[in-house]
N, C-alpha and C. Protein backbone atom coordinates (compact mmCIF):
# COMPACT_ATOMS: atom_id res chain seq x y z
N MET A 1 -0.99 17.26 -8.63
CA MET A 1 -1.09 17.06 -6.77
C MET A 1 -0.80 15.93 -7.13
N PRO A 2 0.06 14.89 -6.31
CA PRO A 2 0.37 13.56 -6.25
C PRO A 2 -1.34 12.86 -5.40
N ASN A 3 -1.30 11.76 -6.16
CA ASN A 3 -2.32 10.94 -5.80
C ASN A 3 -1.97 10.01 -4.72
N LEU A 4 -2.95 9.58 -3.16
CA LEU A 4 -2.45 8.09 -2.52
C LEU A 4 -3.79 7.50 -2.55
N TYR A 5 -3.25 6.04 -3.08
CA TYR A 5 -4.52 5.09 -3.41
C TYR A 5 -4.25 4.71 -2.04
N ILE A 6 -5.42 4.23 -1.47
CA ILE A 6 -5.95 3.03 -0.59
C ILE A 6 -6.65 1.98 -0.85
N ILE A 7 -6.23 0.69 -1.09
CA ILE A 7 -7.06 -0.34 -1.17
C ILE A 7 -7.55 -0.96 -0.45
N GLY A 8 -8.24 -0.88 0.34
CA GLY A 8 -8.76 -1.36 1.95
C GLY A 8 -10.05 -2.29 2.04
N GLY A 9 -10.03 -3.43 2.92
CA GLY A 9 -11.44 -4.29 2.72
C GLY A 9 -10.59 -5.33 3.61
N ALA A 10 -11.44 -6.29 3.72
CA ALA A 10 -11.07 -7.55 4.67
C ALA A 10 -10.61 -8.30 3.64
N ASN A 11 -9.57 -9.66 4.43
CA ASN A 11 -8.95 -10.78 3.75
C ASN A 11 -9.57 -11.26 2.61
N GLY A 12 -9.12 -11.87 1.93
CA GLY A 12 -9.89 -12.39 0.56
C GLY A 12 -11.13 -11.39 0.07
N SER A 13 -11.19 -10.19 0.19
CA SER A 13 -11.72 -9.47 -0.68
C SER A 13 -11.95 -9.49 -1.81
N GLY A 14 -10.98 -9.35 -2.62
CA GLY A 14 -10.57 -9.16 -3.83
C GLY A 14 -9.34 -7.61 -3.78
N LYS A 15 -9.03 -7.40 -3.00
CA LYS A 15 -7.87 -5.74 -2.94
C LYS A 15 -7.19 -6.29 -4.15
N THR A 16 -6.08 -7.46 -4.09
CA THR A 16 -5.14 -7.04 -4.92
C THR A 16 -5.80 -7.41 -6.45
N THR A 17 -6.49 -8.67 -6.42
CA THR A 17 -6.90 -8.55 -7.91
C THR A 17 -7.53 -7.12 -8.49
N VAL A 18 -8.40 -6.49 -7.91
CA VAL A 18 -9.04 -5.16 -8.19
C VAL A 18 -7.82 -4.27 -8.83
N ALA A 19 -6.65 -3.92 -7.51
CA ALA A 19 -5.61 -3.02 -8.07
C ALA A 19 -4.55 -3.32 -8.65
N MET A 20 -4.37 -4.47 -9.44
CA MET A 20 -3.40 -5.25 -10.06
C MET A 20 -4.04 -4.34 -11.49
N ARG A 21 -5.50 -4.49 -11.83
CA ARG A 21 -5.97 -4.24 -12.72
C ARG A 21 -6.59 -2.97 -13.13
N LEU A 22 -6.35 -1.93 -12.05
CA LEU A 22 -7.11 -0.62 -11.51
C LEU A 22 -6.50 0.28 -11.97
N LEU A 23 -5.02 0.11 -11.21
CA LEU A 23 -3.76 0.71 -10.62
C LEU A 23 -3.30 1.16 -12.12
N PRO A 24 -2.57 0.18 -12.74
CA PRO A 24 -1.64 0.47 -13.84
C PRO A 24 -2.62 0.72 -14.89
N ASN A 25 -4.03 0.13 -15.15
CA ASN A 25 -4.57 0.20 -16.77
C ASN A 25 -5.44 1.78 -16.20
N GLN A 26 -6.10 2.43 -15.49
CA GLN A 26 -7.01 2.89 -15.40
C GLN A 26 -6.41 4.49 -14.78
N LEU A 27 -5.53 4.19 -13.81
CA LEU A 27 -5.15 5.24 -12.63
C LEU A 27 -3.59 5.69 -13.10
N ASN A 28 -2.73 5.24 -13.99
CA ASN A 28 -1.90 5.08 -14.52
C ASN A 28 -0.71 5.44 -13.12
N CYS A 29 -1.39 4.32 -12.13
CA CYS A 29 -0.38 4.16 -10.64
C CYS A 29 0.69 2.72 -10.92
N LEU A 30 1.88 3.23 -11.08
CA LEU A 30 2.79 2.12 -11.19
C LEU A 30 3.69 1.89 -9.84
N GLU A 31 2.95 2.34 -8.68
CA GLU A 31 3.74 2.05 -7.48
C GLU A 31 2.53 1.30 -6.27
N TYR A 32 2.54 -0.07 -6.18
CA TYR A 32 1.49 -0.50 -5.55
C TYR A 32 2.11 -1.50 -4.41
N ILE A 33 2.46 -1.07 -3.11
CA ILE A 33 2.65 -1.79 -2.14
C ILE A 33 1.80 -2.86 -1.20
N ASN A 34 2.18 -4.04 -1.62
CA ASN A 34 1.46 -4.52 -0.59
C ASN A 34 1.89 -5.88 0.26
N ALA A 35 1.84 -5.97 1.70
CA ALA A 35 2.67 -6.81 2.42
C ALA A 35 3.02 -8.01 2.21
N ASP A 36 1.71 -8.62 1.95
CA ASP A 36 1.66 -10.35 1.52
C ASP A 36 2.64 -10.33 -0.03
N GLU A 37 2.69 -9.34 -0.76
CA GLU A 37 3.62 -9.87 -2.06
C GLU A 37 4.78 -9.61 -1.42
N ILE A 38 5.08 -8.80 -0.53
CA ILE A 38 6.94 -8.93 0.19
C ILE A 38 6.80 -9.65 0.70
N ALA A 39 5.94 -10.41 1.37
CA ALA A 39 6.43 -12.04 1.97
C ALA A 39 6.39 -12.80 1.30
N ARG A 40 5.63 -12.62 0.14
CA ARG A 40 6.11 -13.89 -0.70
C ARG A 40 7.32 -13.74 -1.36
N GLY A 41 7.70 -12.62 -1.73
CA GLY A 41 9.25 -12.63 -2.41
C GLY A 41 10.01 -12.92 -1.16
N LEU A 42 9.99 -12.74 -0.07
CA LEU A 42 11.07 -13.15 1.21
C LEU A 42 11.02 -14.65 1.33
N SER A 43 9.96 -15.52 1.71
CA SER A 43 9.75 -16.69 1.50
C SER A 43 8.36 -17.00 1.13
N PRO A 44 8.38 -17.59 -0.21
CA PRO A 44 6.84 -18.21 -0.53
C PRO A 44 6.39 -19.24 -0.05
N PHE A 45 7.36 -20.02 0.66
CA PHE A 45 6.36 -21.10 1.21
C PHE A 45 6.37 -21.34 2.84
N ASN A 46 6.87 -19.71 3.04
CA ASN A 46 6.42 -19.66 4.89
C ASN A 46 5.93 -18.20 4.93
N LEU A 47 5.31 -17.49 4.87
CA LEU A 47 4.59 -15.98 4.83
C LEU A 47 4.53 -15.94 6.70
N ASN A 48 4.25 -16.91 7.07
CA ASN A 48 3.83 -16.32 8.10
C ASN A 48 5.55 -15.68 9.28
N ALA A 49 6.49 -16.46 8.32
CA ALA A 49 7.58 -16.77 9.38
C ALA A 49 8.28 -14.62 9.19
N VAL A 50 7.96 -14.44 7.47
CA VAL A 50 8.38 -13.22 7.45
C VAL A 50 7.28 -11.92 7.04
N ALA A 51 6.10 -12.14 7.95
CA ALA A 51 5.19 -11.13 7.95
C ALA A 51 5.43 -9.60 8.84
N GLN A 52 5.90 -9.74 9.57
CA GLN A 52 6.54 -8.96 10.68
C GLN A 52 8.01 -7.75 9.86
N GLN A 53 8.20 -8.71 9.28
CA GLN A 53 9.44 -8.27 8.29
C GLN A 53 9.05 -7.07 7.09
N ALA A 54 8.30 -8.23 6.47
CA ALA A 54 7.44 -7.53 4.99
C ALA A 54 6.46 -6.58 5.56
N GLY A 55 5.71 -6.45 6.88
CA GLY A 55 5.51 -5.17 7.36
C GLY A 55 5.98 -3.89 7.26
N ARG A 56 7.59 -4.14 8.06
CA ARG A 56 8.28 -3.09 8.46
C ARG A 56 8.67 -2.21 6.84
N LEU A 57 8.66 -3.46 5.61
CA LEU A 57 9.32 -3.23 4.24
C LEU A 57 7.91 -2.66 3.82
N MET A 58 7.11 -2.77 4.20
CA MET A 58 6.01 -2.36 3.34
C MET A 58 5.89 -0.91 4.10
N LEU A 59 6.17 -0.53 5.36
CA LEU A 59 6.15 1.54 6.20
C LEU A 59 7.29 1.42 5.54
N GLU A 60 8.35 1.18 5.69
CA GLU A 60 9.54 1.98 4.95
C GLU A 60 9.53 2.59 3.71
N ARG A 61 8.60 1.69 2.41
CA ARG A 61 8.37 2.05 1.18
C ARG A 61 7.60 2.83 1.13
N ILE A 62 6.40 2.60 1.65
CA ILE A 62 5.49 4.18 1.87
C ILE A 62 5.64 5.30 2.22
N LYS A 63 6.87 5.20 3.30
CA LYS A 63 6.96 6.78 3.99
C LYS A 63 7.95 7.30 2.88
N THR A 64 8.93 6.13 2.01
CA THR A 64 9.88 6.54 0.85
C THR A 64 9.20 7.17 -0.28
N LEU A 65 8.09 6.45 -0.67
CA LEU A 65 7.51 7.57 -1.52
C LEU A 65 6.24 8.76 -1.32
N ALA A 66 6.01 8.72 0.19
CA ALA A 66 5.33 9.93 -0.03
C ALA A 66 6.19 10.66 0.64
N ASN A 67 7.35 10.88 0.73
CA ASN A 67 8.57 11.65 0.68
C ASN A 67 8.88 12.42 -0.73
N SER A 68 8.76 11.21 -1.71
CA SER A 68 9.47 11.38 -3.22
C SER A 68 8.20 12.49 -3.51
N GLY A 69 6.67 12.61 -3.00
CA GLY A 69 5.63 13.57 -4.24
C GLY A 69 5.39 12.32 -5.54
N MET A 70 5.24 10.94 -5.35
CA MET A 70 5.17 10.51 -6.19
C MET A 70 3.52 10.06 -6.05
N ASP A 71 2.86 9.15 -7.21
CA ASP A 71 1.63 8.35 -6.80
C ASP A 71 2.10 7.07 -6.39
N PHE A 72 1.21 7.11 -5.32
CA PHE A 72 1.18 5.23 -4.86
C PHE A 72 0.18 5.08 -4.10
N ALA A 73 -0.09 3.74 -4.04
CA ALA A 73 -1.25 3.10 -3.74
C ALA A 73 -0.22 2.04 -2.83
N PHE A 74 -1.23 1.43 -1.55
CA PHE A 74 -0.64 0.33 -0.87
C PHE A 74 -1.99 -0.40 -0.36
N GLU A 75 -1.90 -1.72 0.10
CA GLU A 75 -3.11 -2.20 0.11
C GLU A 75 -3.13 -2.94 1.73
N THR A 76 -4.03 -2.64 2.48
CA THR A 76 -4.52 -2.53 4.15
C THR A 76 -5.87 -3.40 4.24
N THR A 77 -6.42 -3.73 5.57
CA THR A 77 -7.29 -4.47 5.51
C THR A 77 -7.90 -3.48 6.64
N LEU A 78 -7.21 -2.11 6.66
CA LEU A 78 -7.67 -1.12 7.22
C LEU A 78 -7.81 -1.23 9.17
N ALA A 79 -6.95 -2.31 9.49
CA ALA A 79 -6.97 -2.52 10.71
C ALA A 79 -6.31 -1.95 12.13
N ALA A 80 -5.41 -1.25 11.27
CA ALA A 80 -4.57 -0.61 11.81
C ALA A 80 -4.89 0.89 11.87
N ARG A 81 -4.93 1.68 12.98
CA ARG A 81 -5.31 3.19 12.97
C ARG A 81 -4.39 3.73 12.79
N SER A 82 -2.79 3.18 12.40
CA SER A 82 -1.77 4.07 11.53
C SER A 82 -1.94 4.48 10.58
N PHE A 83 -2.11 3.61 9.74
CA PHE A 83 -2.45 4.28 8.63
C PHE A 83 -3.38 5.53 8.01
N SER A 84 -4.40 5.80 9.12
CA SER A 84 -5.18 6.86 8.96
C SER A 84 -4.18 8.42 9.28
N LEU A 85 -3.20 8.21 10.64
CA LEU A 85 -2.24 9.39 10.76
C LEU A 85 -1.87 9.70 9.57
N PHE A 86 -1.28 8.48 8.97
CA PHE A 86 0.01 8.54 7.94
C PHE A 86 -0.98 9.04 6.35
N ALA A 87 -1.99 9.22 5.98
CA ALA A 87 -2.98 9.47 4.91
C ALA A 87 -3.08 10.91 5.41
N LYS A 88 -3.28 11.53 6.68
CA LYS A 88 -3.49 12.85 7.14
C LYS A 88 -2.15 13.79 7.07
N ASN A 89 -1.23 12.89 7.15
CA ASN A 89 0.70 13.64 6.77
C ASN A 89 0.45 13.65 5.38
N CYS A 90 0.05 12.59 4.85
CA CYS A 90 0.16 12.78 3.30
C CYS A 90 -0.63 13.62 2.38
N LYS A 91 -2.02 13.84 3.28
CA LYS A 91 -2.80 14.97 2.68
C LYS A 91 -2.22 16.32 3.04
N SER A 92 -1.40 16.24 4.33
CA SER A 92 -1.34 17.63 4.62
C SER A 92 0.34 18.02 3.78
N ARG A 93 0.67 17.43 2.82
CA ARG A 93 2.05 17.29 2.53
C ARG A 93 1.30 17.74 0.60
N GLY A 94 0.12 17.46 0.48
CA GLY A 94 -0.53 17.97 -1.06
C GLY A 94 -1.43 16.67 -1.49
N TYR A 95 -0.92 15.96 -0.91
CA TYR A 95 -1.23 14.58 -1.39
C TYR A 95 -2.92 14.58 -1.57
N THR A 96 -3.72 13.90 -3.11
CA THR A 96 -4.92 13.86 -2.94
C THR A 96 -5.53 12.26 -2.11
N ILE A 97 -6.25 11.90 -1.10
CA ILE A 97 -6.13 10.72 -0.72
C ILE A 97 -7.59 10.06 -1.57
N ASN A 98 -7.30 8.74 -1.98
CA ASN A 98 -7.88 8.02 -2.56
C ASN A 98 -8.47 7.01 -2.11
N SER A 99 -9.62 6.36 -1.43
CA SER A 99 -10.01 5.07 -1.03
C SER A 99 -10.93 5.03 -1.70
């Protein structure tokens, strides 16, 4: 059964730091999607200019991974309700939801 790991918390709470240590080393999860990191890749000196594009790319990537049946993780502040529906959809596809 594939795993979905949701790394949630407030801005600055250490989500990325925890994820970078925990996911590959303890959970063997090598697919980690983070909109902030995507934005840094697009425009490292002007993150606000590419925030929406990064968000769209993140959503596209997590949908692709969910369709693949692979273990994956994503980071969120849990402010968007759409992730709740996404997690329910993944669960109906056989994913174990870990948050």
